[in-house]
């Protein structure tokens, strides 16, 4: 991923800005995946709670 960013932006911005852009991309992806995992976990908990309370 870094190589792609350096190739794409090396003529347009300084290395520090490219590194910031890479960090933002990584954080954005991490946030997306953790939100998805949290939602899936909450849904599973809600379903299991509902199934165990049915008598």
PDB file of N, CA and C in Angstrom:
ATOM      1  N   UNK A   1       0.828  -1.185   0.000  1.00  0.00           N
ATOM      2  CA  UNK A   1       0.000   0.000   0.000  1.00  0.00           C
ATOM      3  C   UNK A   1       0.879   1.257   0.000  1.00  0.00           C
ATOM      4  N   UNK A   2       1.921   1.230   0.798  1.00  0.00           N
ATOM      5  CA  UNK A   2       2.790   2.406   0.866  1.00  0.00           C
ATOM      6  C   UNK A   2       3.377   2.738  -0.494  1.00  0.00           C
ATOM      7  N   UNK A   3       3.822   1.712  -1.195  1.00  0.00           N
ATOM      8  CA  UNK A   3       4.428   1.927  -2.507  1.00  0.00           C
ATOM      9  C   UNK A   3       3.450   2.609  -3.442  1.00  0.00           C
ATOM     10  N   UNK A   4       2.205   2.169  -3.416  1.00  0.00           N
ATOM     11  CA  UNK A   4       1.172   2.759  -4.267  1.00  0.00           C
ATOM     12  C   UNK A   4       1.011   4.255  -3.969  1.00  0.00           C
ATOM     13  N   UNK A   5       0.962   4.587  -2.691  1.00  0.00           N
ATOM     14  CA  UNK A   5       0.808   5.989  -2.298  1.00  0.00           C
ATOM     15  C   UNK A   5       2.026   6.823  -2.686  1.00  0.00           C
ATOM     16  N   UNK A   6       3.226   6.269  -2.450  1.00  0.00           N
ATOM     17  CA  UNK A   6       4.439   7.016  -2.800  1.00  0.00           C
ATOM     18  C   UNK A   6       4.530   7.241  -4.307  1.00  0.00           C
ATOM     19  N   UNK A   7       4.183   6.221  -5.088  1.00  0.00           N
ATOM     20  CA  UNK A   7       4.214   6.373  -6.542  1.00  0.00           C
ATOM     21  C   UNK A   7       3.190   7.400  -7.020  1.00  0.00           C
ATOM     22  N   UNK A   8       2.043   7.369  -6.409  1.00  0.00           N
ATOM     23  CA  UNK A   8       0.952   8.248  -6.843  1.00  0.00           C
ATOM     24  C   UNK A   8       1.172   9.704  -6.439  1.00  0.00           C
ATOM     25  N   UNK A   9       1.692   9.937  -5.218  1.00  0.00           N
ATOM     26  CA  UNK A   9       1.743  11.293  -4.685  1.00  0.00           C
ATOM     27  C   UNK A   9       3.141  11.908  -4.550  1.00  0.00           C
ATOM     28  N   UNK A  10       4.188  11.158  -4.867  1.00  0.00           N
ATOM     29  CA  UNK A  10       5.543  11.668  -4.617  1.00  0.00           C
ATOM     30  C   UNK A  10       5.848  12.962  -5.358  1.00  0.00           C
ATOM     31  N   UNK A  11       5.265  13.155  -6.511  1.00  0.00           N
ATOM     32  CA  UNK A  11       5.524  14.390  -7.249  1.00  0.00           C
ATOM     33  C   UNK A  11       4.587  15.526  -6.829  1.00  0.00           C
ATOM     34  N   UNK A  12       3.577  15.212  -6.029  1.00  0.00           N
ATOM     35  CA  UNK A  12       2.549  16.197  -5.682  1.00  0.00           C
ATOM     36  C   UNK A  12       2.649  16.732  -4.260  1.00  0.00           C
ATOM     37  N   UNK A  13       3.260  15.952  -3.350  1.00  0.00           N
ATOM     38  CA  UNK A  13       3.300  16.388  -1.949  1.00  0.00           C
ATOM     39  C   UNK A  13       4.532  15.842  -1.258  1.00  0.00           C
ATOM     40  N   UNK A  14       4.913  16.475  -0.145  1.00  0.00           N
ATOM     41  CA  UNK A  14       6.084  16.005   0.607  1.00  0.00           C
ATOM     42  C   UNK A  14       5.840  14.641   1.262  1.00  0.00           C
ATOM     43  N   UNK A  15       6.918  13.966   1.607  1.00  0.00           N
ATOM     44  CA  UNK A  15       6.839  12.630   2.199  1.00  0.00           C
ATOM     45  C   UNK A  15       6.003  12.627   3.474  1.00  0.00           C
ATOM     46  N   UNK A  16       6.128  13.673   4.288  1.00  0.00           N
ATOM     47  CA  UNK A  16       5.369  13.726   5.542  1.00  0.00           C
ATOM     48  C   UNK A  16       3.861  13.697   5.276  1.00  0.00           C
ATOM     49  N   UNK A  17       3.426  14.402   4.251  1.00  0.00           N
ATOM     50  CA  UNK A  17       1.997  14.423   3.916  1.00  0.00           C
ATOM     51  C   UNK A  17       1.547  13.072   3.376  1.00  0.00           C
ATOM     52  N   UNK A  18       2.401  12.420   2.622  1.00  0.00           N
ATOM     53  CA  UNK A  18       2.074  11.086   2.112  1.00  0.00           C
ATOM     54  C   UNK A  18       1.927  10.119   3.279  1.00  0.00           C
ATOM     55  N   UNK A  19       2.839  10.202   4.236  1.00  0.00           N
ATOM     56  CA  UNK A  19       2.764   9.333   5.410  1.00  0.00           C
ATOM     57  C   UNK A  19       1.496   9.603   6.213  1.00  0.00           C
ATOM     58  N   UNK A  20       1.101  10.863   6.334  1.00  0.00           N
ATOM     59  CA  UNK A  20      -0.153  11.210   7.013  1.00  0.00           C
ATOM     60  C   UNK A  20      -1.344  10.608   6.272  1.00  0.00           C
ATOM     61  N   UNK A  21      -1.305  10.677   4.958  1.00  0.00           N
ATOM     62  CA  UNK A  21      -2.387  10.141   4.133  1.00  0.00           C
ATOM     63  C   UNK A  21      -2.489   8.619   4.315  1.00  0.00           C
ATOM     64  N   UNK A  22      -1.345   7.947   4.370  1.00  0.00           N
ATOM     65  CA  UNK A  22      -1.329   6.501   4.590  1.00  0.00           C
ATOM     66  C   UNK A  22      -1.897   6.172   5.973  1.00  0.00           C
ATOM     67  N   UNK A  23      -1.471   6.919   6.988  1.00  0.00           N
ATOM     68  CA  UNK A  23      -1.968   6.695   8.346  1.00  0.00           C
ATOM     69  C   UNK A  23      -3.481   6.906   8.424  1.00  0.00           C
ATOM     70  N   UNK A  24      -3.979   7.936   7.773  1.00  0.00           N
ATOM     71  CA  UNK A  24      -5.421   8.194   7.755  1.00  0.00           C
ATOM     72  C   UNK A  24      -6.167   7.038   7.110  1.00  0.00           C
ATOM     73  N   UNK A  25      -5.602   6.499   6.036  1.00  0.00           N
ATOM     74  CA  UNK A  25      -6.232   5.373   5.337  1.00  0.00           C
ATOM     75  C   UNK A  25      -6.299   4.145   6.252  1.00  0.00           C
ATOM     76  N   UNK A  26      -5.203   3.856   6.940  1.00  0.00           N
ATOM     77  CA  UNK A  26      -5.164   2.705   7.842  1.00  0.00           C
ATOM     78  C   UNK A  26      -6.166   2.874   8.979  1.00  0.00           C
ATOM     79  N   UNK A  27      -6.192   4.061   9.572  1.00  0.00           N
ATOM     80  CA  UNK A  27      -7.125   4.324  10.675  1.00  0.00           C
ATOM     81  C   UNK A  27      -8.568   4.241  10.204  1.00  0.00           C
ATOM     82  N   UNK A  28      -8.837   4.749   9.026  1.00  0.00           N
ATOM     83  CA  UNK A  28     -10.188   4.698   8.467  1.00  0.00           C
ATOM     84  C   UNK A  28     -10.643   3.248   8.290  1.00  0.00           C
ATOM     85  N   UNK A  29      -9.769   2.426   7.723  1.00  0.00           N
ATOM     86  CA  UNK A  29     -10.118   1.014   7.542  1.00  0.00           C
ATOM     87  C   UNK A  29     -10.311   0.317   8.880  1.00  0.00           C
ATOM     88  N   UNK A  30      -9.424   0.573   9.828  1.00  0.00           N
ATOM     89  CA  UNK A  30      -9.526  -0.045  11.138  1.00  0.00           C
ATOM     90  C   UNK A  30     -10.848   0.341  11.810  1.00  0.00           C
ATOM     91  N   UNK A  31     -11.210   1.609  11.725  1.00  0.00           N
ATOM     92  CA  UNK A  31     -12.465   2.083  12.322  1.00  0.00           C
ATOM     93  C   UNK A  31     -13.661   1.390  11.698  1.00  0.00           C
ATOM     94  N   UNK A  32     -13.638   1.253  10.382  1.00  0.00           N
ATOM     95  CA  UNK A  32     -14.740   0.598   9.672  1.00  0.00           C
ATOM     96  C   UNK A  32     -14.887  -0.851  10.135  1.00  0.00           C
ATOM     97  N   UNK A  33     -13.766  -1.574  10.168  1.00  0.00           N
ATOM     98  CA  UNK A  33     -13.828  -2.985  10.533  1.00  0.00           C
ATOM     99  C   UNK A  33     -14.199  -3.194  11.999  1.00  0.00           C
ATOM    100  N   UNK A  34     -13.721  -2.342  12.880  1.00  0.00           N
ATOM    101  CA  UNK A  34     -14.085  -2.499  14.296  1.00  0.00           C
ATOM    102  C   UNK A  34     -15.558  -2.175  14.520  1.00  0.00           C
ATOM    103  N   UNK A  35     -16.077  -1.189  13.805  1.00  0.00           N
ATOM    104  CA  UNK A  35     -17.505  -0.876  13.915  1.00  0.00           C
ATOM    105  C   UNK A  35     -18.345  -2.043  13.412  1.00  0.00           C
ATOM    106  N   UNK A  36     -17.927  -2.634  12.308  1.00  0.00           N
ATOM    107  CA  UNK A  36     -18.647  -3.780  11.758  1.00  0.00           C
ATOM    108  C   UNK A  36     -18.612  -4.956  12.736  1.00  0.00           C
ATOM    109  N   UNK A  37     -17.435  -5.233  13.291  1.00  0.00           N
ATOM    110  CA  UNK A  37     -17.295  -6.344  14.234  1.00  0.00           C
ATOM    111  C   UNK A  37     -18.125  -6.089  15.500  1.00  0.00           C
ATOM    112  N   UNK A  38     -18.132  -4.857  15.965  1.00  0.00           N
ATOM    113  CA  UNK A  38     -18.929  -4.519  17.138  1.00  0.00           C
ATOM    114  C   UNK A  38     -20.414  -4.704  16.890  1.00  0.00           C
ATOM    115  N   UNK A  39     -20.858  -4.281  15.726  1.00  0.00           N
ATOM    116  CA  UNK A  39     -22.272  -4.456  15.376  1.00  0.00           C
ATOM    117  C   UNK A  39     -22.651  -5.920  15.266  1.00  0.00           C
ATOM    118  N   UNK A  40     -21.783  -6.703  14.648  1.00  0.00           N
ATOM    119  CA  UNK A  40     -22.050  -8.138  14.509  1.00  0.00           C
ATOM    120  C   UNK A  40     -22.070  -8.807  15.874  1.00  0.00           C
ATOM    121  N   UNK A  41     -21.172  -8.408  16.734  1.00  0.00           N
ATOM    122  CA  UNK A  41     -21.119  -8.970  18.082  1.00  0.00           C
ATOM    123  C   UNK A  41     -22.380  -8.612  18.873  1.00  0.00           C
ATOM    124  N   UNK A  42     -22.809  -7.378  18.760  1.00  0.00           N
ATOM    125  CA  UNK A  42     -24.017  -6.944  19.472  1.00  0.00           C
ATOM    126  C   UNK A  42     -25.247  -7.693  18.954  1.00  0.00           C
ATOM    127  N   UNK A  43     -25.319  -7.883  17.651  1.00  0.00           N
ATOM    128  CA  UNK A  43     -26.449  -8.598  17.073  1.00  0.00           C
ATOM    129  C   UNK A  43     -26.469 -10.043  17.554  1.00  0.00           C
ATOM    130  N   UNK A  44     -25.317 -10.676  17.577  1.00  0.00           N
ATOM    131  CA  UNK A  44     -25.230 -12.051  18.068  1.00  0.00           C
ATOM    132  C   UNK A  44     -25.666 -12.126  19.523  1.00  0.00           C
ATOM    133  N   UNK A  45     -25.220 -11.174  20.326  1.00  0.00           N
ATOM    134  CA  UNK A  45     -25.620 -11.147  21.737  1.00  0.00           C
ATOM    135  C   UNK A  45     -27.118 -10.973  21.897  1.00  0.00           C
ATOM    136  N   UNK A  46     -27.702 -10.119  21.084  1.00  0.00           N
ATOM    137  CA  UNK A  46     -29.140  -9.881  21.169  1.00  0.00           C
ATOM    138  C   UNK A  46     -29.920 -11.133  20.771  1.00  0.00           C
ATOM    139  N   UNK A  47     -29.468 -11.808  19.729  1.00  0.00           N
ATOM    140  CA  UNK A  47     -30.155 -13.033  19.280  1.00  0.00           C
ATOM    141  C   UNK A  47     -30.035 -14.118  20.339  1.00  0.00           C
ATOM    142  N   UNK A  48     -28.830 -14.315  20.874  1.00  0.00           N
ATOM    143  CA  UNK A  48     -28.646 -15.339  21.896  1.00  0.00           C
ATOM    144  C   UNK A  48     -29.470 -15.029  23.147  1.00  0.00           C
ATOM    145  N   UNK A  49     -29.541 -13.760  23.508  1.00  0.00           N
ATOM    146  CA  UNK A  49     -30.334 -13.360  24.658  1.00  0.00           C
ATOM    147  C   UNK A  49     -31.805 -13.680  24.433  1.00  0.00           C
ATOM    148  N   UNK A  50     -32.276 -13.412  23.247  1.00  0.00           N
ATOM    149  CA  UNK A  50     -33.670 -13.687  22.900  1.00  0.00           C
ATOM    150  C   UNK A  50     -33.941 -15.186  22.904  1.00  0.00           C
ATOM    151  N   UNK A  51     -33.013 -15.961  22.372  1.00  0.00           N
ATOM    152  CA  UNK A  51     -33.216 -17.421  22.320  1.00  0.00           C
ATOM    153  C   UNK A  51     -33.196 -18.053  23.706  1.00  0.00           C
ATOM    154  N   UNK A  52     -32.367 -17.545  24.580  1.00  0.00           N
ATOM    155  CA  UNK A  52     -32.285 -18.139  25.918  1.00  0.00           C
ATOM    156  C   UNK A  52     -33.444 -17.698  26.804  1.00  0.00           C
ATOM    157  N   UNK A  53     -34.106 -16.608  26.464  1.00  0.00           N
ATOM    158  CA  UNK A  53     -35.229 -16.154  27.284  1.00  0.00           C
ATOM    159  C   UNK A  53     -36.556 -16.766  26.831  1.00  0.00           C
ATOM    160  N   UNK A  54     -36.587 -17.423  25.670  1.00  0.00           N
ATOM    161  CA  UNK A  54     -37.804 -18.066  25.184  1.00  0.00           C
ATOM    162  C   UNK A  54     -38.010 -19.360  25.943  1.00  0.00           C
ATOM    163  N   UNK A  55     -39.220 -19.522  26.458  1.00  0.00           N
ATOM    164  CA  UNK A  55     -39.521 -20.742  27.229  1.00  0.00           C
ATOM    165  C   UNK A  55     -40.677 -21.473  26.640  1.00  0.00           C
TER     166      UNK A  55
END
